[in-house]
């Protein structure tokens, strides 16, 4: 994996926003995989600013979000769909027909997971997948375990993951759904290019396990080592536990 280290989280967000905007400029029909959580918010803010500055055309871009809480509807303020609308889509000219989410209120969960896989295939696959990193090494909602599910699936969330999402539920971890829908690891690894963004000292030990540790389902993000075009973008704090550090831009 290629590692890029930036001086601050803001510098990493600006750099990634410039990279994504340039990629869309070169390929206006880009299929873009997107993540939620606190870490990508500065990136989305910078991406909006960059898009406006260069008058970037988003009308033909397709997006697929990684995951959604089970039992949470698209219009629920706690949903990842509303999160993405608030932090990105409401500020860009992305066609609503080209924005894709998992339906957390689907009656038939397995059918919904199959539908999402078909939608990704019909779009031609994901060109660029943006990932965040859970403190326990999860990406999407692929939680650590003795095995991982390859395709989009239903998952039971670990207590640590529910606590990490408590802010969306008025600070109450107990209110966070116990289950979610998520792209699987094979779905993620099929993306043509992957960029994982991790910032802050709290992620440092996990980043070191992802980059320098063994491949293990106990650290799902470590499977990115198998990808031929995966990058990890870090600030200095998140990189502090790495044994070998490239220079920060």
Protein backbone atom coordinates (compact mmCIF):
# COMPACT_ATOMS: atom_id res chain seq x y z
CA UNK A 1 0.00 0.00 0.00
CA UNK A 2 1.15 3.52 -0.70
CA UNK A 3 1.25 5.79 2.35
CA UNK A 4 0.84 9.56 2.28
CA UNK A 5 1.35 11.58 5.45
CA UNK A 6 0.16 15.16 5.83
CA UNK A 7 1.02 17.68 8.50
CA UNK A 8 -2.57 18.11 9.75
CA UNK A 9 -6.05 16.66 9.20
CA UNK A 10 -6.95 19.82 7.28
CA UNK A 11 -4.02 19.34 4.91
CA UNK A 12 -5.04 15.73 4.30
CA UNK A 13 -8.63 16.82 3.61
CA UNK A 14 -7.50 19.49 1.14
CA UNK A 15 -5.19 17.08 -0.62
CA UNK A 16 -7.82 14.39 -0.98
CA UNK A 17 -10.42 16.90 -2.16
CA UNK A 18 -8.05 18.12 -4.86
CA UNK A 19 -7.34 14.51 -5.87
CA UNK A 20 -11.00 13.53 -6.13
CA UNK A 21 -11.95 16.72 -7.96
CA UNK A 22 -9.14 16.15 -10.44
CA UNK A 23 -10.24 12.55 -10.95
CA UNK A 24 -13.81 13.68 -11.69
CA UNK A 25 -12.48 16.30 -14.08
CA UNK A 26 -10.61 13.59 -15.96
CA UNK A 27 -13.53 11.14 -15.83
CA UNK A 28 -16.91 12.93 -15.54
CA UNK A 29 -18.71 9.57 -15.28
CA UNK A 30 -16.69 8.43 -12.28
CA UNK A 31 -18.27 5.84 -9.99
CA UNK A 32 -17.35 6.97 -6.49
CA UNK A 33 -17.67 4.97 -3.28
CA UNK A 34 -18.18 7.10 -0.18
CA UNK A 35 -17.82 6.71 3.59
CA UNK A 36 -19.49 8.37 6.57
CA UNK A 37 -18.26 9.22 10.06
CA UNK A 38 -16.44 12.17 11.59
CA UNK A 39 -13.16 11.79 9.69
CA UNK A 40 -14.54 12.45 6.16
CA UNK A 41 -16.45 15.61 7.13
CA UNK A 42 -13.49 18.02 6.56
CA UNK A 43 -12.80 16.22 3.28
CA UNK A 44 -16.40 16.74 2.14
CA UNK A 45 -16.21 20.41 3.11
CA UNK A 46 -13.05 20.82 1.07
CA UNK A 47 -14.52 18.86 -1.83
CA UNK A 48 -17.52 21.20 -1.96
CA UNK A 49 -15.24 24.25 -1.89
CA UNK A 50 -12.97 22.80 -4.57
CA UNK A 51 -15.90 21.85 -6.80
CA UNK A 52 -17.27 25.38 -6.61
CA UNK A 53 -13.88 26.95 -7.21
CA UNK A 54 -13.33 25.04 -10.46
CA UNK A 55 -17.03 24.80 -11.44
CA UNK A 56 -16.82 21.01 -11.40
CA UNK A 57 -19.62 19.13 -13.16
CA UNK A 58 -20.99 16.36 -10.93
CA UNK A 59 -24.08 15.62 -13.01
CA UNK A 60 -22.76 12.34 -14.44
CA UNK A 61 -20.93 11.09 -11.35
CA UNK A 62 -22.44 8.02 -9.64
CA UNK A 63 -22.00 7.43 -5.93
CA UNK A 64 -22.43 4.40 -3.68
CA UNK A 65 -22.32 4.68 0.08
CA UNK A 66 -20.74 1.90 2.07
CA UNK A 67 -23.40 1.23 4.66
CA UNK A 68 -26.60 2.13 6.50
CA UNK A 69 -28.17 1.33 9.86
CA UNK A 70 -30.77 -1.40 9.82
CA UNK A 71 -34.26 -0.15 10.69
CA UNK A 72 -33.43 3.50 9.91
CA UNK A 73 -35.32 5.07 7.01
CA UNK A 74 -33.88 7.37 4.34
CA UNK A 75 -35.70 10.41 5.77
CA UNK A 76 -34.61 9.77 9.38
CA UNK A 77 -32.24 12.50 10.57
CA UNK A 78 -30.01 9.76 12.05
CA UNK A 79 -29.57 7.93 8.75
CA UNK A 80 -26.38 7.96 6.78
CA UNK A 81 -28.37 9.18 3.80
CA UNK A 82 -29.34 12.36 5.66
CA UNK A 83 -25.74 12.64 6.86
CA UNK A 84 -24.48 12.57 3.28
CA UNK A 85 -27.12 15.01 2.06
CA UNK A 86 -26.21 17.46 4.81
CA UNK A 87 -22.45 17.18 4.38
CA UNK A 88 -22.15 16.72 0.60
CA UNK A 89 -25.04 16.10 -1.76
CA UNK A 90 -27.13 19.15 -0.90
CA UNK A 91 -24.20 21.31 -2.02
CA UNK A 92 -23.42 19.67 -5.38
CA UNK A 93 -25.24 19.06 -8.66
CA UNK A 94 -25.18 15.26 -8.39
CA UNK A 95 -28.18 13.70 -10.12
CA UNK A 96 -30.46 12.08 -7.53
CA UNK A 97 -30.81 9.09 -9.87
CA UNK A 98 -27.08 8.49 -9.61
CA UNK A 99 -26.86 8.57 -5.79
CA UNK A 100 -27.10 5.07 -4.33
CA UNK A 101 -27.77 3.98 -0.74
CA UNK A 102 -28.72 0.81 1.02
CA UNK A 103 -32.30 0.87 2.30
CA UNK A 104 -32.21 0.32 6.04
CA UNK A 105 -35.97 -0.21 6.11
CA UNK A 106 -36.07 -2.89 3.44
CA UNK A 107 -38.55 -5.65 4.26
CA UNK A 108 -36.37 -8.30 2.67
CA UNK A 109 -32.82 -7.59 3.81
CA UNK A 110 -31.15 -10.30 1.74
CA UNK A 111 -32.93 -9.10 -1.41
CA UNK A 112 -31.83 -5.55 -0.66
CA UNK A 113 -28.21 -6.64 -0.37
CA UNK A 114 -28.45 -8.47 -3.71
CA UNK A 115 -30.06 -5.39 -5.28
CA UNK A 116 -27.15 -3.21 -4.16
CA UNK A 117 -24.59 -5.61 -5.61
CA UNK A 118 -26.46 -5.58 -8.94
CA UNK A 119 -26.59 -1.78 -8.93
CA UNK A 120 -22.82 -1.58 -8.47
CA UNK A 121 -22.27 -4.04 -11.31
CA UNK A 122 -24.66 -2.15 -13.62
CA UNK A 123 -22.73 1.04 -12.93
CA UNK A 124 -19.57 -0.67 -14.15
CA UNK A 125 -18.03 -1.15 -10.71
CA UNK A 126 -16.56 1.42 -8.34
CA UNK A 127 -13.70 3.42 -9.80
CA UNK A 128 -12.57 5.14 -6.61
CA UNK A 129 -13.56 4.01 -3.11
CA UNK A 130 -13.04 6.39 -0.18
CA UNK A 131 -12.79 4.66 3.20
CA UNK A 132 -12.59 5.65 6.82
CA UNK A 133 -11.11 3.46 9.54
CA UNK A 134 -12.83 2.27 12.67
CA UNK A 135 -10.74 2.19 15.85
CA UNK A 136 -11.10 -1.61 15.87
CA UNK A 137 -9.94 -1.88 12.25
CA UNK A 138 -13.32 -2.10 10.55
CA UNK A 139 -14.06 -0.54 7.18
CA UNK A 140 -17.65 -0.05 6.17
CA UNK A 141 -19.38 -2.06 8.87
CA UNK A 142 -17.15 -5.10 8.33
CA UNK A 143 -16.43 -5.85 11.98
CA UNK A 144 -13.46 -7.90 13.25
CA UNK A 145 -14.12 -11.62 13.53
CA UNK A 146 -12.94 -15.10 12.69
CA UNK A 147 -14.31 -14.65 9.18
CA UNK A 148 -15.70 -11.91 6.94
CA UNK A 149 -18.62 -11.89 4.50
CA UNK A 150 -17.58 -11.13 0.94
CA UNK A 151 -20.60 -9.29 -0.47
CA UNK A 152 -23.08 -6.71 0.79
CA UNK A 153 -24.69 -8.14 3.91
CA UNK A 154 -26.41 -7.70 7.25
CA UNK A 155 -24.01 -7.25 10.17
CA UNK A 156 -24.26 -7.09 13.95
CA UNK A 157 -22.37 -4.06 15.26
CA UNK A 158 -19.79 -4.29 18.02
CA UNK A 159 -20.35 -2.16 21.16
CA UNK A 160 -17.31 -0.02 20.27
CA UNK A 161 -18.81 0.75 16.86
CA UNK A 162 -22.13 1.69 18.40
CA UNK A 163 -20.36 4.00 20.85
CA UNK A 164 -18.45 5.61 17.97
CA UNK A 165 -21.77 6.43 16.28
CA UNK A 166 -23.54 7.70 19.41
CA UNK A 167 -23.24 11.36 18.35
CA UNK A 168 -25.78 10.73 15.59
CA UNK A 169 -28.22 9.41 18.21
CA UNK A 170 -28.13 12.31 20.69
CA UNK A 171 -25.05 10.90 22.36
CA UNK A 172 -26.81 7.69 23.40
CA UNK A 173 -24.91 4.57 22.36
CA UNK A 174 -27.88 2.46 23.50
CA UNK A 175 -30.00 4.16 20.81
CA UNK A 176 -27.65 3.16 17.98
CA UNK A 177 -29.12 0.19 16.07
CA UNK A 178 -27.54 -3.15 16.85
CA UNK A 179 -27.42 -4.11 13.18
CA UNK A 180 -26.55 -2.50 9.86
CA UNK A 181 -26.17 -3.21 6.16
CA UNK A 182 -22.71 -2.94 4.66
CA UNK A 183 -20.73 -3.59 1.51
CA UNK A 184 -18.63 -6.70 2.07
CA UNK A 185 -14.87 -6.89 1.89
CA UNK A 186 -14.83 -8.42 -1.59
CA UNK A 187 -17.17 -5.69 -2.82
CA UNK A 188 -14.80 -3.05 -1.43
CA UNK A 189 -11.70 -4.76 -2.80
CA UNK A 190 -13.21 -4.87 -6.31
CA UNK A 191 -12.89 -1.06 -6.51
CA UNK A 192 -10.27 -0.05 -9.05
CA UNK A 193 -8.64 2.38 -6.62
CA UNK A 194 -9.01 2.71 -2.86
CA UNK A 195 -8.05 5.61 -0.60
CA UNK A 196 -8.37 5.14 3.16
CA UNK A 197 -8.34 8.39 5.15
CA UNK A 198 -7.42 8.22 8.84
CA UNK A 199 -6.55 11.11 11.14
CA UNK A 200 -5.87 11.61 14.83
CA UNK A 201 -3.74 9.90 17.46
CA UNK A 202 -6.61 7.58 18.45
CA UNK A 203 -6.20 5.80 15.10
CA UNK A 204 -2.40 5.42 15.29
CA UNK A 205 -2.16 1.90 16.73
CA UNK A 206 -4.83 0.62 14.37
CA UNK A 207 -3.10 2.23 11.37
CA UNK A 208 0.13 0.45 12.30
CA UNK A 209 -1.71 -2.90 12.47
CA UNK A 210 -3.32 -2.24 9.08
CA UNK A 211 -0.07 -1.26 7.36
CA UNK A 212 2.60 -3.31 9.12
CA UNK A 213 0.71 -6.16 10.76
CA UNK A 214 -0.34 -9.49 9.28
CA UNK A 215 -3.37 -10.02 7.09
CA UNK A 216 -6.14 -10.95 9.47
CA UNK A 217 -9.91 -10.83 9.65
CA UNK A 218 -9.39 -9.51 13.19
CA UNK A 219 -8.30 -6.26 11.49
CA UNK A 220 -10.51 -6.11 8.39
CA UNK A 221 -8.71 -3.10 6.93
CA UNK A 222 -5.50 -5.16 6.79
CA UNK A 223 -6.99 -6.92 3.75
CA UNK A 224 -6.28 -3.73 1.80
CA UNK A 225 -2.73 -5.08 1.61
CA UNK A 226 -4.10 -7.44 -1.05
CA UNK A 227 -5.23 -4.61 -3.31
CA UNK A 228 -2.99 -3.50 -6.15
CA UNK A 229 -4.02 0.16 -6.03
CA UNK A 230 -4.72 1.03 -2.39
CA UNK A 231 -3.48 4.14 -0.59
CA UNK A 232 -3.63 5.29 3.02
CA UNK A 233 -3.75 9.03 3.64
CA UNK A 234 -2.82 10.07 7.18
CA UNK A 235 -2.01 13.06 9.30
CA UNK A 236 1.11 12.93 11.48
CA UNK A 237 -0.82 11.94 14.58
CA UNK A 238 -2.38 8.91 12.89
CA UNK A 239 1.02 7.90 11.49
CA UNK A 240 2.95 8.15 14.75
CA UNK A 241 3.04 4.37 15.44
CA UNK A 242 4.40 3.44 11.99
CA UNK A 243 7.99 2.22 12.08
CA UNK A 244 8.93 3.95 8.81
CA UNK A 245 7.49 7.33 7.93
CA UNK A 246 7.55 8.97 4.49
CA UNK A 247 7.91 12.73 4.48
CA UNK A 248 4.74 14.76 5.00
CA UNK A 249 3.64 16.97 2.06
